[in-house]
Amino acid sequence: MTVYMDTNIFVYWLTAHPIHGGIAKKKLVEAVEAGETAITSALSIVQIDWAMGALLKARMIGEYDPNKMVESVMGIQNLRIVELNGSICKRALKHVKKYGLELEDAIHLETALRHNCREIFSADADFDRSPLKRRFK
């Protein structure tokens, strides 16, 4: 079974977040590296960069290197970064309406559904309204 990894998992993992960092690393990233197959959208890379830049600007992290971030994410074994295209964006609009998701979450959901994911690794409870099972424990 393939699982989908949402952006917040990567941000918690990369920043060693004091509350969620351990869950992101031990339960989710390490589970994927241990053999669970996972995907994420190319959108996640953009969102991670935006989040890390915002955290740096707010002085919540001491440094940020986009090159290191991309290398770290791409270095997760059994994780594949899949493309974002117009077809996914268009179909995602239906999820905005049906599940009350914001567009970026609807794009993640549509990407997961297109790749036959049955679960999403995410701290975002909005996905509880979607047809995917959410895992964050």
Protein backbone atom coordinates (compact mmCIF):
# COMPACT_ATOMS: atom_id res chain seq x y z
CA MET A 1 0.00 0.00 0.00
CA THR A 2 1.22 3.47 -0.87
CA VAL A 3 0.78 6.30 1.60
CA TYR A 4 0.77 10.03 0.96
CA MET A 5 3.00 12.37 2.97
CA ASP A 6 1.63 15.86 3.60
CA THR A 7 3.85 18.93 3.80
CA ASN A 8 3.55 19.37 7.57
CA ILE A 9 5.25 16.02 8.19
CA PHE A 10 8.37 17.22 6.40
CA VAL A 11 8.39 20.58 8.19
CA TYR A 12 8.04 18.93 11.61
CA TRP A 13 10.78 16.47 10.73
CA LEU A 14 13.20 19.04 9.29
CA THR A 15 12.77 21.45 12.21
CA ALA A 16 12.77 18.75 14.89
CA HIS A 17 9.56 20.37 16.15
CA PRO A 18 9.42 20.01 19.95
CA ILE A 19 5.96 18.42 19.97
CA HIS A 20 5.45 16.84 16.56
CA GLY A 21 9.04 16.31 15.41
CA GLY A 22 9.39 12.94 17.13
CA ILE A 23 6.15 11.64 15.64
CA ALA A 24 7.16 12.84 12.17
CA LYS A 25 10.58 11.22 12.43
CA LYS A 26 10.04 7.99 14.31
CA LYS A 27 6.53 7.01 13.31
CA LEU A 28 6.29 8.36 9.80
CA VAL A 29 9.61 9.10 8.05
CA GLU A 30 11.29 6.05 9.57
CA ALA A 31 8.26 3.89 8.67
CA VAL A 32 8.70 4.90 5.03
CA GLU A 33 12.44 4.28 5.14
CA ALA A 34 11.75 0.86 6.69
CA GLY A 35 9.81 -0.22 3.64
CA GLU A 36 6.47 1.54 3.44
CA THR A 37 6.01 3.07 -0.01
CA ALA A 38 5.15 6.78 0.00
CA ILE A 39 4.57 9.66 -2.36
CA THR A 40 4.22 13.40 -2.05
CA SER A 41 3.43 16.10 -4.58
CA ALA A 42 6.01 18.46 -6.03
CA LEU A 43 3.75 21.06 -4.38
CA SER A 44 5.11 19.85 -1.03
CA ILE A 45 8.62 21.05 -1.91
CA VAL A 46 7.28 24.53 -2.62
CA GLN A 47 5.22 24.53 0.58
CA ILE A 48 8.15 23.28 2.67
CA ASP A 49 10.33 26.07 1.28
CA TRP A 50 7.67 28.66 2.04
CA ALA A 51 7.15 27.35 5.60
CA MET A 52 10.85 27.16 6.35
CA GLY A 53 11.37 30.68 5.01
CA ALA A 54 8.54 31.96 7.20
CA LEU A 55 9.97 30.20 10.26
CA LEU A 56 13.41 31.69 9.56
CA LYS A 57 11.95 35.17 9.11
CA ALA A 58 10.06 34.81 12.40
CA ARG A 59 13.33 33.64 14.03
CA MET A 60 11.74 30.34 15.02
CA ILE A 61 14.62 28.49 13.36
CA GLY A 62 18.22 29.61 13.21
CA GLU A 63 19.08 28.71 9.64
CA TYR A 64 17.60 27.33 6.45
CA ASP A 65 19.22 26.05 3.27
CA PRO A 66 16.82 25.13 0.44
CA ASN A 67 19.46 22.89 -1.16
CA LYS A 68 19.80 20.88 2.03
CA MET A 69 16.00 20.67 2.38
CA VAL A 70 15.53 19.28 -1.13
CA GLU A 71 18.39 16.81 -0.63
CA SER A 72 16.96 15.69 2.71
CA VAL A 73 13.44 15.14 1.38
CA MET A 74 14.65 13.47 -1.79
CA GLY A 75 16.94 11.30 0.32
CA ILE A 76 14.06 9.56 2.11
CA GLN A 77 14.12 5.99 0.89
CA ASN A 78 10.86 4.71 -0.63
CA LEU A 79 9.51 8.25 -1.09
CA ARG A 80 8.67 9.39 -4.60
CA ILE A 81 7.89 13.00 -5.49
CA VAL A 82 5.16 13.08 -8.12
CA GLU A 83 4.30 15.83 -10.56
CA LEU A 84 1.64 18.47 -10.16
CA ASN A 85 -0.30 19.26 -13.32
CA GLY A 86 -3.37 21.11 -14.50
CA SER A 87 -5.53 18.02 -14.47
CA ILE A 88 -4.85 17.49 -10.76
CA CYS A 89 -5.57 21.15 -10.01
CA LYS A 90 -8.84 21.07 -11.91
CA ARG A 91 -10.04 17.88 -10.20
CA ALA A 92 -8.93 19.26 -6.81
CA LEU A 93 -11.55 22.00 -7.12
CA LYS A 94 -14.22 19.32 -6.69
CA HIS A 95 -12.63 18.32 -3.38
CA VAL A 96 -12.68 21.95 -2.22
CA LYS A 97 -16.43 21.95 -2.61
CA LYS A 98 -17.18 18.38 -1.53
CA TYR A 99 -14.92 18.16 1.54
CA GLY A 100 -14.52 21.84 2.45
CA LEU A 101 -10.76 21.74 1.92
CA GLU A 102 -8.47 24.61 1.04
CA LEU A 103 -7.11 24.35 -2.49
CA GLU A 104 -3.63 23.18 -1.49
CA ASP A 105 -5.07 20.40 0.67
CA ALA A 106 -7.44 19.43 -2.13
CA ILE A 107 -4.44 19.19 -4.47
CA HIS A 108 -2.70 16.87 -2.01
CA LEU A 109 -5.87 14.78 -1.73
CA GLU A 110 -6.33 14.50 -5.49
CA THR A 111 -2.67 13.56 -5.93
CA ALA A 112 -3.04 10.84 -3.29
CA LEU A 113 -6.21 9.49 -4.87
CA ARG A 114 -4.67 9.47 -8.35
CA HIS A 115 -1.84 7.34 -7.04
CA ASN A 116 -4.15 4.94 -5.19
CA CYS A 117 -3.03 5.94 -1.72
CA ARG A 118 -5.19 4.60 1.08
CA GLU A 119 -3.71 6.73 3.86
CA ILE A 120 -2.26 10.18 4.36
CA PHE A 121 0.47 11.02 6.88
CA SER A 122 -0.62 14.45 8.12
CA ALA A 123 -1.17 16.50 11.25
CA ASP A 124 -3.96 18.33 9.41
CA ALA A 125 -7.33 17.20 10.78
CA ASP A 126 -9.06 18.68 7.70
CA PHE A 127 -8.17 15.43 5.95
CA ASP A 128 -10.50 13.61 8.35
CA ARG A 129 -13.32 14.84 6.12
CA SER A 130 -11.75 13.14 3.09
CA PRO A 131 -12.05 9.52 1.97
CA LEU A 132 -8.47 8.81 3.04
CA LYS A 133 -7.54 7.54 6.46
CA ARG A 134 -5.25 10.03 8.22
CA ARG A 135 -2.32 8.79 10.27
CA PHE A 136 -0.48 10.98 12.76
CA LYS A 137 0.32 8.89 15.83
